[in-house]
PDB file of all heavy atoms in Angstrom:
ATOM      1  N   ARG A   1     -13.413   2.286  11.407  1.00  0.00           N
ATOM      2  CA  ARG A   1     -14.355   1.384  10.745  1.00  0.00           C
ATOM      3  C   ARG A   1     -13.762   0.847   9.450  1.00  0.00           C
ATOM      4  O   ARG A   1     -13.871  -0.339   9.134  1.00  0.00           O
ATOM      5  CB  ARG A   1     -15.668   2.120  10.478  1.00  0.00           C
ATOM      6  CG  ARG A   1     -16.840   1.220  10.250  1.00  0.00           C
ATOM      7  CD  ARG A   1     -18.170   1.980  10.185  1.00  0.00           C
ATOM      8  NE  ARG A   1     -18.367   2.893  11.313  1.00  0.00           N
ATOM      9  CZ  ARG A   1     -18.491   4.208  11.205  1.00  0.00           C
ATOM     10  NH1 ARG A   1     -18.462   4.791  10.027  1.00  0.00           N
ATOM     11  NH2 ARG A   1     -18.674   4.964  12.274  1.00  0.00           N
ATOM     12  N   GLU A   2     -13.097   1.712   8.703  1.00  0.00           N
ATOM     13  CA  GLU A   2     -12.446   1.301   7.456  1.00  0.00           C
ATOM     14  C   GLU A   2     -11.337   0.284   7.730  1.00  0.00           C
ATOM     15  O   GLU A   2     -11.190  -0.707   7.016  1.00  0.00           O
ATOM     16  CB  GLU A   2     -11.874   2.534   6.752  1.00  0.00           C
ATOM     17  CG  GLU A   2     -11.149   2.241   5.467  1.00  0.00           C
ATOM     18  CD  GLU A   2     -10.546   3.506   4.873  1.00  0.00           C
ATOM     19  OE1 GLU A   2     -11.297   4.478   4.681  1.00  0.00           O
ATOM     20  OE2 GLU A   2      -9.337   3.506   4.615  1.00  0.00           O
ATOM     21  N   MET A   3     -10.550   0.525   8.777  1.00  0.00           N
ATOM     22  CA  MET A   3      -9.472  -0.392   9.135  1.00  0.00           C
ATOM     23  C   MET A   3     -10.023  -1.744   9.567  1.00  0.00           C
ATOM     24  O   MET A   3      -9.428  -2.780   9.271  1.00  0.00           O
ATOM     25  CB  MET A   3      -8.614   0.209  10.250  1.00  0.00           C
ATOM     26  CG  MET A   3      -7.768   1.362   9.785  1.00  0.00           C
ATOM     27  SD  MET A   3      -6.933   2.236  11.108  1.00  0.00           S
ATOM     28  CE  MET A   3      -5.844   0.999  11.732  1.00  0.00           C
ATOM     29  N   GLN A   4     -11.138  -1.751  10.243  1.00  0.00           N
ATOM     30  CA  GLN A   4     -11.747  -2.990  10.702  1.00  0.00           C
ATOM     31  C   GLN A   4     -12.239  -3.826   9.516  1.00  0.00           C
ATOM     32  O   GLN A   4     -12.106  -5.040   9.508  1.00  0.00           O
ATOM     33  CB  GLN A   4     -12.905  -2.698  11.639  1.00  0.00           C
ATOM     34  CG  GLN A   4     -13.560  -3.928  12.218  1.00  0.00           C
ATOM     35  CD  GLN A   4     -14.659  -3.559  13.199  1.00  0.00           C
ATOM     36  OE1 GLN A   4     -14.918  -2.386  13.444  1.00  0.00           O
ATOM     37  NE2 GLN A   4     -15.285  -4.552  13.756  1.00  0.00           N
ATOM     38  N   GLU A   5     -12.774  -3.154   8.509  1.00  0.00           N
ATOM     39  CA  GLU A   5     -13.323  -3.856   7.359  1.00  0.00           C
ATOM     40  C   GLU A   5     -12.263  -4.315   6.362  1.00  0.00           C
ATOM     41  O   GLU A   5     -12.347  -5.397   5.811  1.00  0.00           O
ATOM     42  CB  GLU A   5     -14.339  -2.968   6.649  1.00  0.00           C
ATOM     43  CG  GLU A   5     -15.578  -2.700   7.452  1.00  0.00           C
ATOM     44  CD  GLU A   5     -16.500  -1.670   6.817  1.00  0.00           C
ATOM     45  OE1 GLU A   5     -16.142  -1.113   5.755  1.00  0.00           O
ATOM     46  OE2 GLU A   5     -17.564  -1.420   7.403  1.00  0.00           O
ATOM     47  N   SER A   6     -11.239  -3.486   6.136  1.00  0.00           N
ATOM     48  CA  SER A   6     -10.295  -3.800   5.063  1.00  0.00           C
ATOM     49  C   SER A   6      -8.885  -4.145   5.529  1.00  0.00           C
ATOM     50  O   SER A   6      -8.073  -4.595   4.729  1.00  0.00           O
ATOM     51  CB  SER A   6     -10.220  -2.632   4.085  1.00  0.00           C
ATOM     52  OG  SER A   6      -9.689  -1.494   4.725  1.00  0.00           O
ATOM     53  N   LYS A   7      -8.567  -3.905   6.775  1.00  0.00           N
ATOM     54  CA  LYS A   7      -7.255  -4.233   7.351  1.00  0.00           C
ATOM     55  C   LYS A   7      -6.081  -3.507   6.687  1.00  0.00           C
ATOM     56  O   LYS A   7      -4.958  -3.950   6.781  1.00  0.00           O
ATOM     57  CB  LYS A   7      -6.986  -5.743   7.303  1.00  0.00           C
ATOM     58  CG  LYS A   7      -8.008  -6.592   7.988  1.00  0.00           C
ATOM     59  CD  LYS A   7      -7.966  -6.436   9.465  1.00  0.00           C
ATOM     60  CE  LYS A   7      -8.934  -7.427  10.106  1.00  0.00           C
ATOM     61  NZ  LYS A   7      -9.430  -6.989  11.363  1.00  0.00           N
ATOM     62  N   ASN A   8      -6.343  -2.387   6.002  1.00  0.00           N
ATOM     63  CA  ASN A   8      -5.230  -1.635   5.433  1.00  0.00           C
ATOM     64  C   ASN A   8      -4.732  -0.627   6.460  1.00  0.00           C
ATOM     65  O   ASN A   8      -5.498   0.054   7.112  1.00  0.00           O
ATOM     66  CB  ASN A   8      -5.611  -0.964   4.114  1.00  0.00           C
ATOM     67  CG  ASN A   8      -6.636   0.135   4.280  1.00  0.00           C
ATOM     68  OD1 ASN A   8      -7.293   0.245   5.300  1.00  0.00           O
ATOM     69  ND2 ASN A   8      -6.766   0.961   3.268  1.00  0.00           N
ATOM     70  N   GLU A   9      -3.427  -0.563   6.614  1.00  0.00           N
ATOM     71  CA  GLU A   9      -2.813   0.326   7.596  1.00  0.00           C
ATOM     72  C   GLU A   9      -1.860   1.275   6.885  1.00  0.00           C
ATOM     73  O   GLU A   9      -1.128   0.867   5.981  1.00  0.00           O
ATOM     74  CB  GLU A   9      -2.091  -0.496   8.659  1.00  0.00           C
ATOM     75  CG  GLU A   9      -3.041  -1.382   9.455  1.00  0.00           C
ATOM     76  CD  GLU A   9      -2.333  -2.232  10.492  1.00  0.00           C
ATOM     77  OE1 GLU A   9      -1.120  -2.427  10.375  1.00  0.00           O
ATOM     78  OE2 GLU A   9      -3.016  -2.702  11.405  1.00  0.00           O
ATOM     79  N   LEU A  10      -1.869   2.526   7.288  1.00  0.00           N
ATOM     80  CA  LEU A  10      -1.046   3.545   6.646  1.00  0.00           C
ATOM     81  C   LEU A  10       0.346   3.657   7.256  1.00  0.00           C
ATOM     82  O   LEU A  10       1.265   4.133   6.606  1.00  0.00           O
ATOM     83  CB  LEU A  10      -1.748   4.902   6.718  1.00  0.00           C
ATOM     84  CG  LEU A  10      -3.101   4.998   6.006  1.00  0.00           C
ATOM     85  CD1 LEU A  10      -3.708   6.373   6.232  1.00  0.00           C
ATOM     86  CD2 LEU A  10      -2.958   4.704   4.529  1.00  0.00           C
ATOM     87  N   LEU A  11       0.507   3.251   8.508  1.00  0.00           N
ATOM     88  CA  LEU A  11       1.799   3.323   9.185  1.00  0.00           C
ATOM     89  C   LEU A  11       2.405   1.928   9.308  1.00  0.00           C
ATOM     90  O   LEU A  11       1.701   0.921   9.271  1.00  0.00           O
ATOM     91  CB  LEU A  11       1.626   3.929  10.579  1.00  0.00           C
ATOM     92  CG  LEU A  11       1.012   5.333  10.650  1.00  0.00           C
ATOM     93  CD1 LEU A  11       0.878   5.773  12.093  1.00  0.00           C
ATOM     94  CD2 LEU A  11       1.848   6.332   9.872  1.00  0.00           C
ATOM     95  N   HIS A  12       3.731   1.873   9.476  1.00  0.00           N
ATOM     96  CA  HIS A  12       4.412   0.582   9.600  1.00  0.00           C
ATOM     97  C   HIS A  12       4.233  -0.031  10.981  1.00  0.00           C
ATOM     98  O   HIS A  12       4.168  -1.249  11.116  1.00  0.00           O
ATOM     99  CB  HIS A  12       5.896   0.740   9.283  1.00  0.00           C
ATOM    100  CG  HIS A  12       6.133   1.127   7.857  1.00  0.00           C
ATOM    101  ND1 HIS A  12       5.914   0.271   6.803  1.00  0.00           N
ATOM    102  CD2 HIS A  12       6.556   2.289   7.307  1.00  0.00           C
ATOM    103  CE1 HIS A  12       6.198   0.879   5.676  1.00  0.00           C
ATOM    104  NE2 HIS A  12       6.581   2.112   5.945  1.00  0.00           N
ATOM    105  N   SER A  13       4.175   0.802  12.011  1.00  0.00           N
ATOM    106  CA  SER A  13       3.991   0.280  13.369  1.00  0.00           C
ATOM    107  C   SER A  13       3.107   1.236  14.171  1.00  0.00           C
ATOM    108  O   SER A  13       3.082   2.441  13.921  1.00  0.00           O
ATOM    109  CB  SER A  13       5.335   0.115  14.067  1.00  0.00           C
ATOM    110  OG  SER A  13       5.957   1.376  14.240  1.00  0.00           O
ATOM    111  N   TYR A  14       2.397   0.661  15.113  1.00  0.00           N
ATOM    112  CA  TYR A  14       1.465   1.416  15.955  1.00  0.00           C
ATOM    113  C   TYR A  14       1.736   1.111  17.419  1.00  0.00           C
ATOM    114  O   TYR A  14       2.158   0.002  17.758  1.00  0.00           O
ATOM    115  CB  TYR A  14       0.009   1.027  15.639  1.00  0.00           C
ATOM    116  CG  TYR A  14      -0.453   1.385  14.248  1.00  0.00           C
ATOM    117  CD1 TYR A  14      -0.315   0.505  13.186  1.00  0.00           C
ATOM    118  CD2 TYR A  14      -1.033   2.617  14.005  1.00  0.00           C
ATOM    119  CE1 TYR A  14      -0.742   0.838  11.915  1.00  0.00           C
ATOM    120  CE2 TYR A  14      -1.467   2.956  12.736  1.00  0.00           C
ATOM    121  CZ  TYR A  14      -1.320   2.071  11.695  1.00  0.00           C
ATOM    122  OH  TYR A  14      -1.748   2.406  10.443  1.00  0.00           O
ATOM    123  N   ASN A  15       1.459   2.075  18.288  1.00  0.00           N
ATOM    124  CA  ASN A  15       1.525   1.846  19.734  1.00  0.00           C
ATOM    125  C   ASN A  15       0.236   1.229  20.246  1.00  0.00           C
ATOM    126  O   ASN A  15       0.245   0.458  21.190  1.00  0.00           O
ATOM    127  CB  ASN A  15       1.792   3.151  20.494  1.00  0.00           C
ATOM    128  CG  ASN A  15       3.171   3.693  20.228  1.00  0.00           C
ATOM    129  OD1 ASN A  15       4.094   2.952  19.945  1.00  0.00           O
ATOM    130  ND2 ASN A  15       3.315   5.001  20.294  1.00  0.00           N
ATOM    131  N   SER A  16      -0.863   1.558  19.615  1.00  0.00           N
ATOM    132  CA  SER A  16      -2.177   1.105  20.045  1.00  0.00           C
ATOM    133  C   SER A  16      -2.536  -0.224  19.381  1.00  0.00           C
ATOM    134  O   SER A  16      -2.109  -0.512  18.261  1.00  0.00           O
ATOM    135  CB  SER A  16      -3.229   2.153  19.684  1.00  0.00           C
ATOM    136  OG  SER A  16      -4.500   1.728  20.074  1.00  0.00           O
ATOM    137  N   HIS A  17      -3.333  -1.005  20.072  1.00  0.00           N
ATOM    138  CA  HIS A  17      -3.816  -2.266  19.527  1.00  0.00           C
ATOM    139  C   HIS A  17      -5.222  -2.125  18.957  1.00  0.00           C
ATOM    140  O   HIS A  17      -5.660  -2.970  18.186  1.00  0.00           O
ATOM    141  CB  HIS A  17      -3.812  -3.356  20.610  1.00  0.00           C
ATOM    142  CG  HIS A  17      -2.445  -3.617  21.149  1.00  0.00           C
ATOM    143  ND1 HIS A  17      -1.480  -4.286  20.439  1.00  0.00           N
ATOM    144  CD2 HIS A  17      -1.873  -3.278  22.327  1.00  0.00           C
ATOM    145  CE1 HIS A  17      -0.372  -4.366  21.150  1.00  0.00           C
ATOM    146  NE2 HIS A  17      -0.589  -3.753  22.296  1.00  0.00           N
ATOM    147  N   LYS A  18      -5.916  -1.066  19.338  1.00  0.00           N
ATOM    148  CA  LYS A  18      -7.290  -0.855  18.882  1.00  0.00           C
ATOM    149  C   LYS A  18      -7.313   0.078  17.673  1.00  0.00           C
ATOM    150  O   LYS A  18      -6.449   0.944  17.517  1.00  0.00           O
ATOM    151  CB  LYS A  18      -8.143  -0.277  20.007  1.00  0.00           C
ATOM    152  CG  LYS A  18      -8.254  -1.233  21.178  1.00  0.00           C
ATOM    153  CD  LYS A  18      -9.160  -0.698  22.234  1.00  0.00           C
ATOM    154  CE  LYS A  18      -9.272  -1.706  23.372  1.00  0.00           C
ATOM    155  NZ  LYS A  18     -10.180  -1.247  24.401  1.00  0.00           N
ATOM    156  N   ASN A  19      -8.330  -0.097  16.833  1.00  0.00           N
ATOM    157  CA  ASN A  19      -8.404   0.655  15.585  1.00  0.00           C
ATOM    158  C   ASN A  19      -8.582   2.155  15.787  1.00  0.00           C
ATOM    159  O   ASN A  19      -8.040   2.946  15.022  1.00  0.00           O
ATOM    160  CB  ASN A  19      -9.528   0.107  14.707  1.00  0.00           C
ATOM    161  CG  ASN A  19      -9.195  -1.259  14.155  1.00  0.00           C
ATOM    162  OD1 ASN A  19      -8.036  -1.612  13.983  1.00  0.00           O
ATOM    163  ND2 ASN A  19     -10.216  -2.038  13.879  1.00  0.00           N
ATOM    164  N   VAL A  20      -9.320   2.565  16.795  1.00  0.00           N
ATOM    165  CA  VAL A  20      -9.499   4.002  17.038  1.00  0.00           C
ATOM    166  C   VAL A  20      -8.161   4.638  17.433  1.00  0.00           C
ATOM    167  O   VAL A  20      -7.809   5.710  16.952  1.00  0.00           O
ATOM    168  CB  VAL A  20     -10.567   4.255  18.123  1.00  0.00           C
ATOM    169  CG1 VAL A  20     -10.627   5.725  18.484  1.00  0.00           C
ATOM    170  CG2 VAL A  20     -11.931   3.779  17.645  1.00  0.00           C
ATOM    171  N   GLY A  21      -7.414   3.966  18.280  1.00  0.00           N
ATOM    172  CA  GLY A  21      -6.094   4.455  18.662  1.00  0.00           C
ATOM    173  C   GLY A  21      -5.151   4.515  17.472  1.00  0.00           C
ATOM    174  O   GLY A  21      -4.381   5.466  17.314  1.00  0.00           O
ATOM    175  N   LYS A  22      -5.220   3.513  16.611  1.00  0.00           N
ATOM    176  CA  LYS A  22      -4.393   3.505  15.402  1.00  0.00           C
ATOM    177  C   LYS A  22      -4.771   4.666  14.485  1.00  0.00           C
ATOM    178  O   LYS A  22      -3.902   5.315  13.907  1.00  0.00           O
ATOM    179  CB  LYS A  22      -4.558   2.184  14.658  1.00  0.00           C
ATOM    180  CG  LYS A  22      -3.923   1.003  15.355  1.00  0.00           C
ATOM    181  CD  LYS A  22      -4.146  -0.267  14.561  1.00  0.00           C
ATOM    182  CE  LYS A  22      -3.553  -1.469  15.256  1.00  0.00           C
ATOM    183  NZ  LYS A  22      -3.751  -2.709  14.471  1.00  0.00           N
ATOM    184  N   ALA A  23      -6.061   4.933  14.358  1.00  0.00           N
ATOM    185  CA  ALA A  23      -6.519   6.047  13.521  1.00  0.00           C
ATOM    186  C   ALA A  23      -6.007   7.374  14.067  1.00  0.00           C
ATOM    187  O   ALA A  23      -5.576   8.246  13.303  1.00  0.00           O
ATOM    188  CB  ALA A  23      -8.040   6.052  13.440  1.00  0.00           C
ATOM    189  N   LEU A  24      -6.040   7.536  15.382  1.00  0.00           N
ATOM    190  CA  LEU A  24      -5.533   8.773  15.984  1.00  0.00           C
ATOM    191  C   LEU A  24      -4.021   8.897  15.802  1.00  0.00           C
ATOM    192  O   LEU A  24      -3.508   9.999  15.615  1.00  0.00           O
ATOM    193  CB  LEU A  24      -5.917   8.834  17.464  1.00  0.00           C
ATOM    194  CG  LEU A  24      -7.412   8.987  17.732  1.00  0.00           C
ATOM    195  CD1 LEU A  24      -7.696   8.857  19.219  1.00  0.00           C
ATOM    196  CD2 LEU A  24      -7.937  10.297  17.191  1.00  0.00           C
ATOM    197  N   GLU A  25      -3.310   7.785  15.837  1.00  0.00           N
ATOM    198  CA  GLU A  25      -1.868   7.817  15.578  1.00  0.00           C
ATOM    199  C   GLU A  25      -1.595   8.234  14.139  1.00  0.00           C
ATOM    200  O   GLU A  25      -0.617   8.941  13.875  1.00  0.00           O
ATOM    201  CB  GLU A  25      -1.249   6.448  15.853  1.00  0.00           C
ATOM    202  CG  GLU A  25      -1.165   6.112  17.329  1.00  0.00           C
ATOM    203  CD  GLU A  25      -0.509   4.768  17.574  1.00  0.00           C
ATOM    204  OE1 GLU A  25       0.465   4.429  16.871  1.00  0.00           O
ATOM    205  OE2 GLU A  25      -0.977   4.048  18.479  1.00  0.00           O
ATOM    206  N   GLU A  26      -2.442   7.804  13.205  1.00  0.00           N
ATOM    207  CA  GLU A  26      -2.287   8.222  11.819  1.00  0.00           C
ATOM    208  C   GLU A  26      -2.508   9.718  11.662  1.00  0.00           C
ATOM    209  O   GLU A  26      -1.800  10.379  10.902  1.00  0.00           O
ATOM    210  CB  GLU A  26      -3.256   7.449  10.925  1.00  0.00           C
ATOM    211  CG  GLU A  26      -2.919   5.988  10.780  1.00  0.00           C
ATOM    212  CD  GLU A  26      -3.924   5.191   9.976  1.00  0.00           C
ATOM    213  OE1 GLU A  26      -4.983   5.741   9.607  1.00  0.00           O
ATOM    214  OE2 GLU A  26      -3.646   4.012   9.717  1.00  0.00           O
ATOM    215  N   VAL A  27      -3.458  10.269  12.388  1.00  0.00           N
ATOM    216  CA  VAL A  27      -3.680  11.721  12.362  1.00  0.00           C
ATOM    217  C   VAL A  27      -2.459  12.441  12.911  1.00  0.00           C
ATOM    218  O   VAL A  27      -1.976  13.414  12.324  1.00  0.00           O
ATOM    219  CB  VAL A  27      -4.942  12.104  13.167  1.00  0.00           C
ATOM    220  CG1 VAL A  27      -5.051  13.621  13.308  1.00  0.00           C
ATOM    221  CG2 VAL A  27      -6.192  11.555  12.507  1.00  0.00           C
ATOM    222  N   ALA A  28      -1.926  11.957  14.028  1.00  0.00           N
ATOM    223  CA  ALA A  28      -0.761  12.595  14.656  1.00  0.00           C
ATOM    224  C   ALA A  28       0.466  12.538  13.741  1.00  0.00           C
ATOM    225  O   ALA A  28       1.269  13.472  13.703  1.00  0.00           O
ATOM    226  CB  ALA A  28      -0.455  11.934  15.989  1.00  0.00           C
TER     227      ALA A  28
END
C-alpha cells in the first residue's frame, strides 16, 4: 500500500511487477 501511494522502492530491481510481490522480495 505504501509503495502504491508513494512509489518509493528499497531495491534496485525486482522480479515481480506487482507491489505485493515487490514487498515480499524486500523481506527476502
